[in-house]
Amino acid sequence: MENTLISFVSQPRFKRVVLTEICWIGEVIFGFVIKSGYFELDVCVGCALIDLFAKGFRDLVSAKKVFDKMPERNSVTWTLLITRYAQLGYHEDGIELFLSMLLCGFMPDRFTLSSVVSACAELGFVSVGQQLHSWVIKSGLCLDVCVGCSLVDMYAKCATTTNEPMEDARKVFQRMPHHNVMSWTAIITGHVQSGGLDRTAIELYCKMITQGDVLPNHITYSSLLKACASLSNLEVACMPDAGSMEDAQMAFEVLVDKNLISHNAILEGYAKNASLGKAFNMFNQFEETTGVVDSFTFASLLSASASVGAIGKGEEIHARCGDIEAAARVFSRMEQRNVISWTSIVTSFAKHGMATRALETFHQMLNAGMKPNEVTYIAVLSACSHVGMVVDLLGRSGSLEKALDLIKSMPFKADALVWRTLLGACQVHGNTELGRLAAKMIIGQDPDDPAAYILLSNLYASKGQWEEVVKIRKTMKERNLVKEAGCSWVEAENQTHKFYVGDTCHPRTHEIYKELHQLVMDIKKLGYVPDTGFVLHDMDEKEKEGYLVQHSEKIAVAFGLISMSKTKP
């Protein structure tokens, strides 16, 4: 009987019932406090009531009413309400309350400042955060670990607004006299969230465990594993994003407590590896056993379906992959839109070549008061390129010198992506001199980027400068730089089939190449002439023509033709 009771008490459902019962009792006590007059006599009673409504019922309106009616307040009372506003996601209200606190003559302490700085971090209010930083220094609280962690987090989350991402966060971190697991985790997480700084995050972790007597926690490991996954380096981590799904599945199976997050992680891994069937199997198992899914679950499945063109699968979860009008209807019916939903629809129009609609939607986004991010701008530029507009698209239009002048005149330092765009244009238009310059700038900023070497190698190959190609390939081999192989997918018979260049691993390889050969014969009769200029290998024309047939996309199409009904699009 005793063991049964202990087992029942440990269940989450029982804990929720008990919490509800305690809150109900709190309401009864609240009535008693008002009637007995204790509310007017003791500040601590008022603070307890604020916590009852804020933490117990998540009712900030009632908590604020209690606060407003308190005959006496102190810094602790103000800080308590500000903290509760921040914890429940009402960051702007928390900042406004902080300003009222100052106007009423109360001085903030380290807990107040930590909460308000955290609110600035969530809202991206870097200028307000910098003013608070000045206050921290003047108040002598810059040595406090709690305040320091909040500042590091704030500068990290606002890093995209500065020319040197994470520089301010690093300065705050380095000036802290003492570090704990929170400060280390804040700086590591900041580097991971900033994008492109995953290797630095791993280096910081190594310093954390070797130089400081600090043990990582689950948040540290979570950020670290994201960094490893982004680097796609199996020597560093065996994660779904790193491409080792067998190991990821084993790690998932041994988990004692599988929750929504762990299920989503393994599902996302399969989705990113284009294992659409396994992703949906995981989804079905999860839904049957727990019945709980969230927006992230559906987003992963939708993304996977879209990436492999799986209309059938996409329709199962409501979105129609490749059906832009359906996507537009879904967007128009959304009651609440954020920068992600706006960017998604702009990107969708751009990818479908609907430049005018993409730009119109972008202007609607601006008129709605929504601030675009870097992904939005990339989508808009992509839309412009489809209709020949010249912006950073000068390279695409062949105006390479003008593109270079634009890069030099930019008010900020051009990153590797900008130079990579120019290098790609140099390859298309055969400008070796500018290509060398662009490659040099890319390698200077990111020496481990294989794309720069590949693009430059292709540029030399298109000009027939095979000795230069050999040199670049040798350098890549010495530096252990490998470009990820391109591949194509096609969905047939409720299964996704993946193909690489010259792929011969599929069970129906013989039939696929037979179909390809017949297709080439048929289209040649219609006037098709193979363009071997894009084959960047030192071989004769006949070999180049054969190489063109081995493109992964052509193999996928041929497989689709032999495995699907003729009426299927």
Protein backbone atom coordinates (compact mmCIF):
# COMPACT_ATOMS: atom_id res chain seq x y z
CA MET A 1 0.00 0.00 0.00
CA GLU A 2 2.82 2.40 0.94
CA ASN A 3 4.73 1.69 -2.30
CA THR A 4 1.54 2.22 -4.34
CA LEU A 5 0.99 5.58 -2.67
CA ILE A 6 4.60 6.66 -3.28
CA SER A 7 4.29 5.63 -6.93
CA PHE A 8 1.08 7.63 -7.32
CA VAL A 9 2.50 10.72 -5.61
CA SER A 10 5.53 10.73 -7.92
CA GLN A 11 3.34 10.95 -11.04
CA PRO A 12 3.30 14.37 -12.82
CA ARG A 13 -0.51 14.32 -12.86
CA PHE A 14 -0.61 14.12 -9.05
CA LYS A 15 1.85 16.98 -8.78
CA ARG A 16 -0.34 19.14 -11.00
CA VAL A 17 -3.39 18.34 -8.87
CA VAL A 18 -1.52 19.17 -5.67
CA LEU A 19 -0.27 22.48 -7.13
CA THR A 20 -3.82 23.40 -8.15
CA GLU A 21 -5.09 22.52 -4.69
CA ILE A 22 -2.40 24.64 -3.03
CA CYS A 23 -3.27 27.61 -5.24
CA TRP A 24 -6.95 27.16 -4.34
CA ILE A 25 -6.01 27.20 -0.66
CA GLY A 26 -3.99 30.34 -1.39
CA GLU A 27 -7.13 32.09 -2.61
CA VAL A 28 -8.87 31.22 0.65
CA ILE A 29 -5.92 32.57 2.64
CA PHE A 30 -5.94 35.69 0.47
CA GLY A 31 -9.50 36.41 1.58
CA PHE A 32 -8.50 35.90 5.17
CA VAL A 33 -5.50 38.24 4.83
CA ILE A 34 -7.70 41.02 3.42
CA LYS A 35 -10.32 40.62 6.16
CA SER A 36 -7.78 40.44 9.00
CA GLY A 37 -5.85 43.54 7.88
CA TYR A 38 -2.48 41.80 7.52
CA PHE A 39 -2.20 43.07 3.97
CA GLU A 40 -1.81 46.66 5.19
CA LEU A 41 0.59 45.75 7.99
CA ASP A 42 3.30 43.62 6.38
CA VAL A 43 5.21 44.10 3.09
CA CYS A 44 6.19 40.41 3.13
CA VAL A 45 2.53 39.41 2.98
CA GLY A 46 2.08 41.57 -0.14
CA CYS A 47 5.13 39.96 -1.79
CA ALA A 48 3.77 36.49 -0.99
CA LEU A 49 0.43 37.42 -2.59
CA ILE A 50 2.21 38.72 -5.71
CA ASP A 51 3.97 35.36 -5.97
CA LEU A 52 0.70 33.50 -5.42
CA PHE A 53 -0.92 35.13 -8.45
CA ALA A 54 2.19 35.35 -10.65
CA LYS A 55 3.71 31.91 -10.00
CA GLY A 56 0.65 29.99 -8.87
CA PHE A 57 -1.92 31.24 -11.36
CA ARG A 58 0.32 33.02 -13.92
CA ASP A 59 -2.07 35.92 -13.43
CA LEU A 60 -0.01 39.09 -13.75
CA VAL A 61 -3.10 41.31 -13.80
CA SER A 62 -4.05 40.25 -10.28
CA ALA A 63 -0.41 40.36 -9.17
CA LYS A 64 -0.17 43.97 -10.42
CA LYS A 65 -3.42 44.87 -8.58
CA VAL A 66 -1.94 43.55 -5.34
CA PHE A 67 1.23 45.56 -6.02
CA ASP A 68 -0.74 48.76 -6.76
CA LYS A 69 -2.76 48.47 -3.57
CA MET A 70 0.21 47.81 -1.29
CA PRO A 71 0.47 50.75 1.16
CA GLU A 72 4.22 50.26 1.40
CA ARG A 73 6.76 49.07 -1.16
CA ASN A 74 10.50 48.60 -1.18
CA SER A 75 13.17 47.60 -3.72
CA VAL A 76 12.48 43.93 -3.06
CA THR A 77 8.79 44.36 -3.96
CA TRP A 78 9.60 46.19 -7.20
CA THR A 79 12.25 43.61 -8.13
CA LEU A 80 9.88 40.72 -7.43
CA LEU A 81 7.21 42.01 -9.82
CA ILE A 82 9.77 42.96 -12.49
CA THR A 83 11.28 39.47 -12.28
CA ARG A 84 7.89 37.78 -12.57
CA TYR A 85 7.01 39.86 -15.65
CA ALA A 86 10.29 38.79 -17.25
CA GLN A 87 9.83 35.12 -16.35
CA LEU A 88 6.35 35.03 -17.89
CA GLY A 89 7.57 36.67 -21.11
CA TYR A 90 6.20 40.20 -20.59
CA HIS A 91 9.59 41.79 -21.19
CA GLU A 92 8.49 45.25 -22.33
CA ASP A 93 6.14 45.58 -19.33
CA GLY A 94 9.03 44.55 -17.08
CA ILE A 95 11.26 47.31 -18.52
CA GLU A 96 8.47 49.91 -18.13
CA LEU A 97 8.02 48.80 -14.51
CA PHE A 98 11.77 49.21 -13.97
CA LEU A 99 11.59 52.81 -15.24
CA SER A 100 8.68 53.48 -12.85
CA MET A 101 10.78 52.05 -10.04
CA LEU A 102 13.56 54.54 -10.78
CA LEU A 103 11.11 57.46 -11.00
CA CYS A 104 9.75 56.50 -7.58
CA GLY A 105 13.26 56.81 -6.15
CA PHE A 106 14.06 53.13 -5.53
CA MET A 107 17.52 51.77 -6.33
CA PRO A 108 17.81 48.50 -8.24
CA ASP A 109 19.98 45.70 -6.92
CA ARG A 110 21.78 42.90 -8.77
CA PHE A 111 18.58 40.86 -9.10
CA THR A 112 16.66 43.80 -10.59
CA LEU A 113 19.38 44.60 -13.11
CA SER A 114 19.79 40.93 -14.08
CA SER A 115 16.06 40.65 -14.84
CA VAL A 116 15.92 43.89 -16.87
CA VAL A 117 19.09 43.06 -18.83
CA SER A 118 17.61 39.63 -19.62
CA ALA A 119 14.44 41.37 -20.86
CA CYS A 120 16.59 43.53 -23.18
CA ALA A 121 18.25 40.35 -24.46
CA GLU A 122 14.92 38.78 -25.36
CA LEU A 123 13.67 41.95 -27.08
CA GLY A 124 16.98 42.75 -28.84
CA PHE A 125 17.13 46.15 -27.11
CA VAL A 126 20.91 46.45 -27.26
CA SER A 127 20.95 50.26 -26.75
CA VAL A 128 18.90 49.97 -23.54
CA GLY A 129 21.11 47.09 -22.48
CA GLN A 130 24.23 49.21 -22.99
CA GLN A 131 22.76 51.95 -20.78
CA LEU A 132 22.06 49.37 -18.10
CA HIS A 133 25.63 48.14 -18.49
CA SER A 134 26.83 51.66 -17.66
CA TRP A 135 24.58 51.64 -14.61
CA VAL A 136 26.07 48.30 -13.55
CA ILE A 137 29.60 49.72 -13.75
CA LYS A 138 28.66 52.88 -11.82
CA SER A 139 26.88 50.81 -9.17
CA GLY A 140 29.93 48.60 -8.65
CA LEU A 141 27.99 45.49 -9.67
CA CYS A 142 30.21 44.59 -12.63
CA LEU A 143 31.95 41.96 -10.48
CA ASP A 144 28.68 40.15 -9.74
CA VAL A 145 28.46 36.81 -11.55
CA CYS A 146 24.67 36.92 -11.93
CA VAL A 147 24.73 40.39 -13.53
CA GLY A 148 27.74 39.43 -15.65
CA CYS A 149 25.93 36.35 -17.01
CA SER A 150 22.93 38.48 -17.97
CA LEU A 151 25.16 40.98 -19.80
CA VAL A 152 27.01 38.22 -21.67
CA ASP A 153 23.67 36.72 -22.70
CA MET A 154 22.32 40.12 -23.76
CA TYR A 155 25.31 41.01 -25.93
CA ALA A 156 25.34 37.50 -27.40
CA LYS A 157 21.67 37.59 -28.41
CA CYS A 158 22.07 41.08 -29.86
CA ALA A 159 25.35 40.19 -31.61
CA THR A 160 23.85 40.30 -35.12
CA THR A 161 23.32 44.06 -34.76
CA THR A 162 27.06 44.75 -34.51
CA ASN A 163 29.90 44.52 -37.02
CA GLU A 164 31.88 42.19 -34.76
CA PRO A 165 29.54 39.43 -33.55
CA MET A 166 30.12 38.40 -29.92
CA GLU A 167 32.92 40.95 -29.36
CA ASP A 168 31.03 42.82 -26.61
CA ALA A 169 29.94 39.56 -25.00
CA ARG A 170 33.55 38.32 -24.96
CA LYS A 171 34.75 41.56 -23.36
CA VAL A 172 32.21 41.29 -20.54
CA PHE A 173 33.08 37.63 -20.02
CA GLN A 174 36.83 38.27 -19.93
CA ARG A 175 36.45 41.08 -17.39
CA MET A 176 34.48 38.92 -14.96
CA PRO A 177 36.80 38.01 -12.05
CA HIS A 178 35.05 34.73 -11.37
CA HIS A 179 33.22 32.30 -13.61
CA ASN A 180 30.63 29.68 -12.82
CA VAL A 181 28.73 27.22 -15.00
CA MET A 182 26.18 29.93 -15.90
CA SER A 183 28.76 32.39 -17.23
CA TRP A 184 30.62 29.71 -19.20
CA THR A 185 27.36 28.37 -20.61
CA ALA A 186 26.21 31.90 -21.54
CA ILE A 187 29.34 32.63 -23.61
CA ILE A 188 29.35 29.15 -25.22
CA THR A 189 25.64 29.35 -26.09
CA GLY A 190 26.11 32.86 -27.45
CA HIS A 191 28.76 31.70 -29.92
CA VAL A 192 26.55 28.83 -31.07
CA GLN A 193 23.47 31.06 -31.54
CA SER A 194 25.44 33.70 -33.45
CA GLY A 195 26.09 31.28 -36.30
CA GLY A 196 29.46 30.42 -37.82
CA LEU A 197 31.22 30.46 -34.44
CA ASP A 198 30.68 26.81 -33.50
CA ARG A 199 34.38 25.96 -33.49
CA THR A 200 35.06 28.83 -31.06
CA ALA A 201 32.24 27.51 -28.84
CA ILE A 202 33.94 24.10 -28.69
CA GLU A 203 37.29 25.74 -27.89
CA LEU A 204 35.65 27.67 -25.03
CA TYR A 205 34.21 24.43 -23.68
CA CYS A 206 37.69 22.90 -23.69
CA LYS A 207 38.97 25.90 -21.70
CA MET A 208 36.05 25.57 -19.32
CA ILE A 209 36.89 21.99 -18.35
CA THR A 210 40.69 22.42 -18.37
CA GLN A 211 41.33 25.91 -16.97
CA GLY A 212 38.41 26.39 -14.61
CA ASP A 213 37.14 24.15 -11.83
CA VAL A 214 33.62 24.17 -13.32
CA LEU A 215 31.47 21.26 -14.39
CA PRO A 216 29.13 21.66 -17.40
CA ASN A 217 25.37 21.27 -17.01
CA HIS A 218 22.67 20.00 -19.39
CA ILE A 219 22.35 23.43 -21.06
CA THR A 220 26.11 23.54 -21.71
CA TYR A 221 26.01 20.11 -23.31
CA SER A 222 22.94 21.00 -25.36
CA SER A 223 24.67 24.06 -26.87
CA LEU A 224 27.92 22.13 -27.36
CA LEU A 225 26.19 19.32 -29.24
CA LYS A 226 24.45 21.88 -31.49
CA ALA A 227 27.88 23.31 -32.30
CA CYS A 228 29.23 19.86 -33.12
CA ALA A 229 26.21 19.09 -35.29
CA SER A 230 26.62 22.36 -37.20
CA LEU A 231 30.25 21.54 -37.92
CA SER A 232 29.12 18.17 -39.27
CA ASN A 233 32.29 16.61 -37.89
CA LEU A 234 31.91 12.99 -36.77
CA GLU A 235 35.29 13.15 -35.04
CA VAL A 236 33.85 15.84 -32.78
CA ALA A 237 30.32 14.53 -32.28
CA CYS A 238 28.05 11.79 -33.52
CA MET A 239 24.77 13.66 -33.87
CA PRO A 240 21.84 13.54 -36.31
CA ASP A 241 23.01 16.74 -38.02
CA ALA A 242 26.47 15.28 -38.32
CA GLY A 243 25.12 12.51 -40.50
CA SER A 244 25.41 9.46 -38.23
CA MET A 245 21.78 8.50 -37.74
CA GLU A 246 22.59 4.98 -36.59
CA ASP A 247 24.48 6.34 -33.58
CA ALA A 248 21.80 8.97 -33.00
CA GLN A 249 19.10 6.28 -33.00
CA MET A 250 21.11 4.21 -30.49
CA ALA A 251 21.51 7.25 -28.25
CA PHE A 252 17.77 7.87 -28.50
CA GLU A 253 16.87 4.26 -27.65
CA VAL A 254 18.91 4.23 -24.42
CA LEU A 255 17.22 7.38 -23.12
CA VAL A 256 15.25 6.49 -19.99
CA ASP A 257 12.93 9.49 -20.21
CA LYS A 258 11.97 10.23 -23.80
CA ASN A 259 10.15 13.55 -24.07
CA LEU A 260 8.94 15.89 -26.81
CA ILE A 261 12.40 17.45 -27.21
CA SER A 262 14.24 14.15 -27.65
CA HIS A 263 11.62 12.89 -30.11
CA ASN A 264 11.84 16.10 -32.10
CA ALA A 265 15.66 15.89 -32.15
CA ILE A 266 15.74 12.41 -33.67
CA LEU A 267 12.91 13.26 -36.06
CA GLU A 268 14.77 16.40 -37.20
CA GLY A 269 17.89 14.29 -37.73
CA TYR A 270 16.07 11.94 -40.10
CA ALA A 271 14.42 14.91 -41.82
CA LYS A 272 17.75 16.67 -42.44
CA ASN A 273 19.27 13.45 -43.79
CA ALA A 274 16.39 13.15 -46.25
CA SER A 275 15.23 9.91 -44.60
CA LEU A 276 11.64 11.00 -44.99
CA GLY A 277 10.12 7.55 -44.46
CA LYS A 278 11.96 7.06 -41.16
CA ALA A 279 11.06 10.60 -40.07
CA PHE A 280 7.35 9.87 -40.60
CA ASN A 281 7.69 6.49 -38.88
CA MET A 282 9.14 8.24 -35.84
CA PHE A 283 6.33 10.78 -36.00
CA ASN A 284 3.66 8.04 -36.10
CA GLN A 285 5.25 6.15 -33.20
CA PHE A 286 5.53 9.29 -31.15
CA GLU A 287 1.93 10.32 -31.82
CA GLU A 288 0.63 6.84 -30.94
CA THR A 289 2.59 6.55 -27.67
CA THR A 290 2.30 10.09 -26.32
CA GLY A 291 -0.22 11.93 -28.45
CA VAL A 292 1.85 15.10 -28.00
CA VAL A 293 3.45 16.99 -30.89
CA ASP A 294 4.26 20.67 -31.37
CA SER A 295 4.94 23.20 -34.11
CA PHE A 296 8.61 22.14 -34.28
CA THR A 297 7.55 18.55 -35.08
CA PHE A 298 5.40 19.67 -37.99
CA ALA A 299 7.99 22.22 -39.16
CA SER A 300 10.62 19.45 -39.41
CA LEU A 301 8.31 17.20 -41.39
CA LEU A 302 7.23 20.01 -43.68
CA SER A 303 10.83 21.03 -44.29
CA ALA A 304 11.82 17.45 -45.07
CA SER A 305 8.85 17.01 -47.42
CA ALA A 306 9.65 20.26 -49.22
CA SER A 307 13.36 19.43 -49.58
CA VAL A 308 12.65 16.17 -51.43
CA GLY A 309 9.55 17.37 -53.28
CA ALA A 310 7.27 14.91 -51.47
CA ILE A 311 3.85 16.40 -52.20
CA GLY A 312 1.97 13.38 -50.84
CA LYS A 313 3.76 13.46 -47.50
CA GLY A 314 3.44 17.21 -47.24
CA GLU A 315 -0.30 17.05 -47.82
CA GLU A 316 -0.60 14.58 -44.95
CA ILE A 317 0.38 17.35 -42.57
CA HIS A 318 -1.67 20.04 -44.30
CA ALA A 319 0.92 21.93 -46.34
CA ARG A 320 1.24 21.29 -50.09
CA CYS A 321 4.87 21.07 -51.08
CA GLY A 322 5.51 23.17 -54.17
CA ASP A 323 1.96 24.57 -54.26
CA ILE A 324 2.70 28.28 -53.78
CA GLU A 325 -0.97 29.31 -53.98
CA ALA A 326 -1.83 26.93 -51.15
CA ALA A 327 1.05 28.36 -49.14
CA ALA A 328 -0.23 31.89 -49.81
CA ARG A 329 -3.71 30.92 -48.61
CA VAL A 330 -2.33 29.43 -45.41
CA PHE A 331 -0.31 32.61 -44.81
CA SER A 332 -3.33 34.87 -45.43
CA ARG A 333 -5.36 32.96 -42.83
CA MET A 334 -2.73 33.27 -40.10
CA GLU A 335 -4.02 35.42 -37.23
CA GLN A 336 -0.53 36.20 -35.95
CA ARG A 337 2.56 36.62 -38.11
CA ASN A 338 6.18 37.04 -37.11
CA VAL A 339 9.41 37.61 -39.02
CA ILE A 340 9.70 33.86 -39.70
CA SER A 341 6.25 33.51 -41.31
CA TRP A 342 6.73 36.69 -43.37
CA THR A 343 10.18 35.55 -44.51
CA SER A 344 8.86 32.08 -45.40
CA ILE A 345 6.22 33.43 -47.79
CA VAL A 346 8.67 35.95 -49.34
CA THR A 347 11.18 33.11 -49.84
CA SER A 348 8.49 30.87 -51.34
CA PHE A 349 7.53 33.49 -53.93
CA ALA A 350 11.22 34.08 -54.73
CA LYS A 351 11.94 30.36 -55.19
CA HIS A 352 9.01 30.05 -57.58
CA GLY A 353 10.28 32.95 -59.69
CA MET A 354 7.42 35.24 -58.62
CA ALA A 355 9.64 38.26 -58.07
CA THR A 356 6.87 40.85 -58.19
CA ARG A 357 4.78 39.07 -55.54
CA ALA A 358 7.87 38.50 -53.41
CA LEU A 359 8.69 42.22 -53.45
CA GLU A 360 5.05 43.21 -52.89
CA THR A 361 4.89 40.91 -49.86
CA PHE A 362 8.19 42.32 -48.60
CA HIS A 363 6.72 45.86 -48.73
CA GLN A 364 3.58 44.60 -46.93
CA MET A 365 5.87 43.17 -44.28
CA LEU A 366 7.56 46.56 -43.80
CA ASN A 367 4.21 48.37 -43.71
CA ALA A 368 3.05 45.96 -41.00
CA GLY A 369 5.96 47.15 -38.85
CA MET A 370 7.85 43.88 -39.06
CA LYS A 371 11.65 44.14 -39.07
CA PRO A 372 13.28 41.91 -41.73
CA ASN A 373 16.27 39.72 -40.88
CA GLU A 374 19.21 38.58 -43.00
CA VAL A 375 17.22 35.64 -44.41
CA THR A 376 14.47 38.01 -45.58
CA TYR A 377 17.00 40.17 -47.44
CA ILE A 378 18.55 37.13 -49.10
CA ALA A 379 15.07 36.11 -50.32
CA VAL A 380 14.42 39.62 -51.69
CA LEU A 381 17.78 39.70 -53.46
CA SER A 382 17.06 36.26 -54.87
CA ALA A 383 13.72 37.52 -56.18
CA CYS A 384 15.48 40.49 -57.78
CA SER A 385 17.93 38.17 -59.51
CA HIS A 386 15.10 36.26 -61.16
CA VAL A 387 13.95 39.36 -63.02
CA GLY A 388 17.43 40.68 -63.81
CA MET A 389 17.45 43.54 -61.28
CA VAL A 390 20.97 44.72 -60.52
CA VAL A 391 21.71 45.14 -56.78
CA ASP A 392 24.30 42.74 -55.38
CA LEU A 393 23.20 40.95 -58.54
CA LEU A 394 25.74 42.86 -60.59
CA GLY A 395 27.81 39.72 -60.67
CA ARG A 396 24.99 37.67 -62.16
CA SER A 397 24.47 40.28 -64.88
CA GLY A 398 28.19 40.23 -65.75
CA SER A 399 29.05 43.66 -64.29
CA LEU A 400 31.87 42.21 -62.20
CA GLU A 401 33.90 45.42 -61.85
CA LYS A 402 30.81 47.29 -60.64
CA ALA A 403 30.15 44.46 -58.20
CA LEU A 404 33.70 44.83 -56.85
CA ASP A 405 33.25 48.61 -56.51
CA LEU A 406 30.02 48.00 -54.60
CA ILE A 407 31.77 45.61 -52.19
CA LYS A 408 34.57 48.14 -51.59
CA SER A 409 32.07 50.96 -50.95
CA MET A 410 30.02 49.00 -48.39
CA PRO A 411 30.01 50.67 -44.92
CA PHE A 412 30.90 47.36 -43.29
CA LYS A 413 33.43 44.65 -43.95
CA ALA A 414 32.22 42.22 -46.61
CA ASP A 415 31.93 38.70 -45.23
CA ALA A 416 32.85 35.41 -46.92
CA LEU A 417 29.35 35.01 -48.35
CA VAL A 418 29.61 38.27 -50.32
CA TRP A 419 33.00 37.31 -51.76
CA ARG A 420 31.74 33.80 -52.51
CA THR A 421 28.89 35.33 -54.53
CA LEU A 422 31.40 37.34 -56.55
CA LEU A 423 33.62 34.29 -57.04
CA GLY A 424 30.64 32.30 -58.33
CA ALA A 425 29.89 35.09 -60.81
CA CYS A 426 33.56 35.12 -61.89
CA GLN A 427 33.29 31.42 -62.66
CA VAL A 428 30.15 31.95 -64.76
CA HIS A 429 31.72 34.82 -66.72
CA GLY A 430 35.27 33.42 -66.80
CA ASN A 431 37.05 36.32 -65.02
CA THR A 432 40.12 34.61 -63.58
CA GLU A 433 41.77 37.73 -62.18
CA LEU A 434 38.81 38.83 -60.08
CA GLY A 435 38.16 35.21 -59.16
CA ARG A 436 41.63 34.93 -57.63
CA LEU A 437 41.02 38.08 -55.58
CA ALA A 438 37.62 36.87 -54.34
CA ALA A 439 39.05 33.45 -53.41
CA LYS A 440 41.92 35.12 -51.51
CA MET A 441 39.44 37.22 -49.49
CA ILE A 442 37.29 34.17 -48.68
CA ILE A 443 40.25 32.02 -47.60
CA GLY A 444 41.58 34.92 -45.50
CA GLN A 445 38.32 35.01 -43.53
CA ASP A 446 37.55 31.29 -43.54
CA PRO A 447 40.61 29.17 -44.45
CA ASP A 448 38.68 25.92 -43.91
CA ASP A 449 35.91 26.75 -46.39
CA PRO A 450 36.11 24.17 -49.22
CA ALA A 451 33.64 26.16 -51.38
CA ALA A 452 36.25 28.84 -52.19
CA TYR A 453 38.75 26.25 -53.40
CA ILE A 454 36.10 24.40 -55.42
CA LEU A 455 34.80 27.55 -57.12
CA LEU A 456 38.32 28.73 -57.99
CA SER A 457 39.20 25.24 -59.23
CA ASN A 458 36.09 25.24 -61.45
CA LEU A 459 37.04 28.68 -62.78
CA TYR A 460 40.50 27.42 -63.81
CA ALA A 461 38.94 24.26 -65.27
CA SER A 462 36.52 26.27 -67.42
CA LYS A 463 39.56 28.08 -68.84
CA GLY A 464 41.43 24.81 -69.40
CA GLN A 465 44.15 25.71 -66.86
CA TRP A 466 44.49 22.15 -65.57
CA GLU A 467 47.83 22.70 -63.81
CA GLU A 468 46.17 25.29 -61.56
CA VAL A 469 43.32 22.85 -60.92
CA VAL A 470 45.80 20.19 -59.79
CA LYS A 471 47.50 22.67 -57.43
CA ILE A 472 44.21 23.60 -55.78
CA ARG A 473 43.13 19.97 -55.42
CA LYS A 474 46.51 19.17 -53.85
CA THR A 475 46.12 22.02 -51.38
CA MET A 476 42.63 20.79 -50.46
CA LYS A 477 43.96 17.29 -49.88
CA GLU A 478 46.79 18.58 -47.68
CA ARG A 479 44.32 20.65 -45.62
CA ASN A 480 41.84 17.74 -45.48
CA LEU A 481 39.09 19.88 -47.04
CA VAL A 482 36.22 17.94 -48.57
CA LYS A 483 33.15 19.38 -50.29
CA GLU A 484 29.90 17.66 -49.37
CA ALA A 485 28.67 15.63 -52.33
CA GLY A 486 25.57 16.96 -54.05
CA CYS A 487 22.59 14.63 -54.32
CA SER A 488 19.01 14.51 -55.57
CA TRP A 489 15.87 12.84 -54.22
CA VAL A 490 12.66 11.49 -55.67
CA GLU A 491 9.68 10.02 -53.84
CA ALA A 492 8.22 6.81 -55.27
CA GLU A 493 5.89 4.24 -53.71
CA ASN A 494 5.85 6.06 -50.38
CA GLN A 495 9.63 5.94 -50.12
CA THR A 496 12.37 8.51 -50.77
CA HIS A 497 15.25 7.48 -53.06
CA LYS A 498 18.53 9.40 -52.92
CA PHE A 499 21.05 9.57 -55.80
CA TYR A 500 24.60 10.95 -56.13
CA VAL A 501 26.59 11.81 -59.25
CA GLY A 502 27.29 8.65 -61.23
CA ASP A 503 25.37 6.59 -58.66
CA THR A 504 25.37 2.81 -59.29
CA CYS A 505 24.21 1.63 -55.85
CA HIS A 506 20.48 1.49 -56.51
CA PRO A 507 19.01 -2.01 -57.11
CA ARG A 508 17.47 -0.79 -60.39
CA THR A 509 20.66 0.88 -61.69
CA HIS A 510 20.64 -1.05 -64.98
CA GLU A 511 17.05 0.03 -65.76
CA ILE A 512 17.80 3.65 -64.77
CA TYR A 513 20.75 4.04 -67.15
CA LYS A 514 18.88 2.24 -69.90
CA GLU A 515 16.08 4.82 -69.53
CA LEU A 516 18.62 7.66 -69.49
CA HIS A 517 20.26 6.41 -72.67
CA GLN A 518 16.86 6.22 -74.40
CA LEU A 519 15.95 9.73 -73.23
CA VAL A 520 19.17 11.17 -74.62
CA MET A 521 18.55 9.44 -77.96
CA ASP A 522 15.00 10.80 -78.12
CA ILE A 523 15.86 14.41 -77.28
CA LYS A 524 18.80 14.46 -79.71
CA LYS A 525 16.30 13.68 -82.46
CA LEU A 526 14.41 16.79 -81.32
CA GLY A 527 17.52 18.94 -81.71
CA TYR A 528 19.19 18.65 -78.29
CA VAL A 529 22.93 19.42 -78.30
CA PRO A 530 24.82 18.60 -75.06
CA ASP A 531 26.53 21.64 -73.51
CA THR A 532 29.83 20.15 -72.34
CA GLY A 533 31.16 23.53 -71.24
CA PHE A 534 29.92 22.81 -67.71
CA VAL A 535 31.94 19.59 -67.42
CA LEU A 536 35.00 20.78 -65.54
CA HIS A 537 37.21 17.74 -66.13
CA ASP A 538 40.15 17.16 -68.48
CA MET A 539 38.58 14.65 -70.90
CA ASP A 540 37.51 14.44 -74.55
CA GLU A 541 34.09 15.61 -75.77
CA LYS A 542 32.55 12.14 -75.89
CA GLU A 543 33.59 11.45 -72.31
CA LYS A 544 32.21 14.84 -71.27
CA GLU A 545 28.90 14.02 -72.92
CA GLY A 546 28.75 10.75 -70.99
CA TYR A 547 29.57 12.60 -67.78
CA LEU A 548 26.58 14.91 -68.28
CA VAL A 549 24.24 11.91 -68.16
CA GLN A 550 25.56 10.95 -64.73
CA HIS A 551 24.17 14.06 -63.03
CA SER A 552 22.29 13.06 -59.84
CA GLU A 553 19.18 14.99 -60.88
CA LYS A 554 18.99 13.17 -64.23
CA ILE A 555 19.40 9.80 -62.51
CA ALA A 556 16.59 10.68 -60.07
CA VAL A 557 14.30 11.76 -62.91
CA ALA A 558 15.02 8.57 -64.87
CA PHE A 559 14.20 6.47 -61.81
CA GLY A 560 10.97 8.41 -61.37
CA LEU A 561 9.99 7.71 -64.97
CA ILE A 562 10.49 3.94 -64.65
CA SER A 563 8.91 3.59 -61.21
CA MET A 564 5.83 5.88 -61.33
CA SER A 565 2.66 5.93 -63.35
CA LYS A 566 2.73 8.15 -66.45
CA THR A 567 -0.03 10.36 -65.05
CA LYS A 568 2.00 11.39 -61.98
CA PRO A 569 3.58 14.89 -62.23
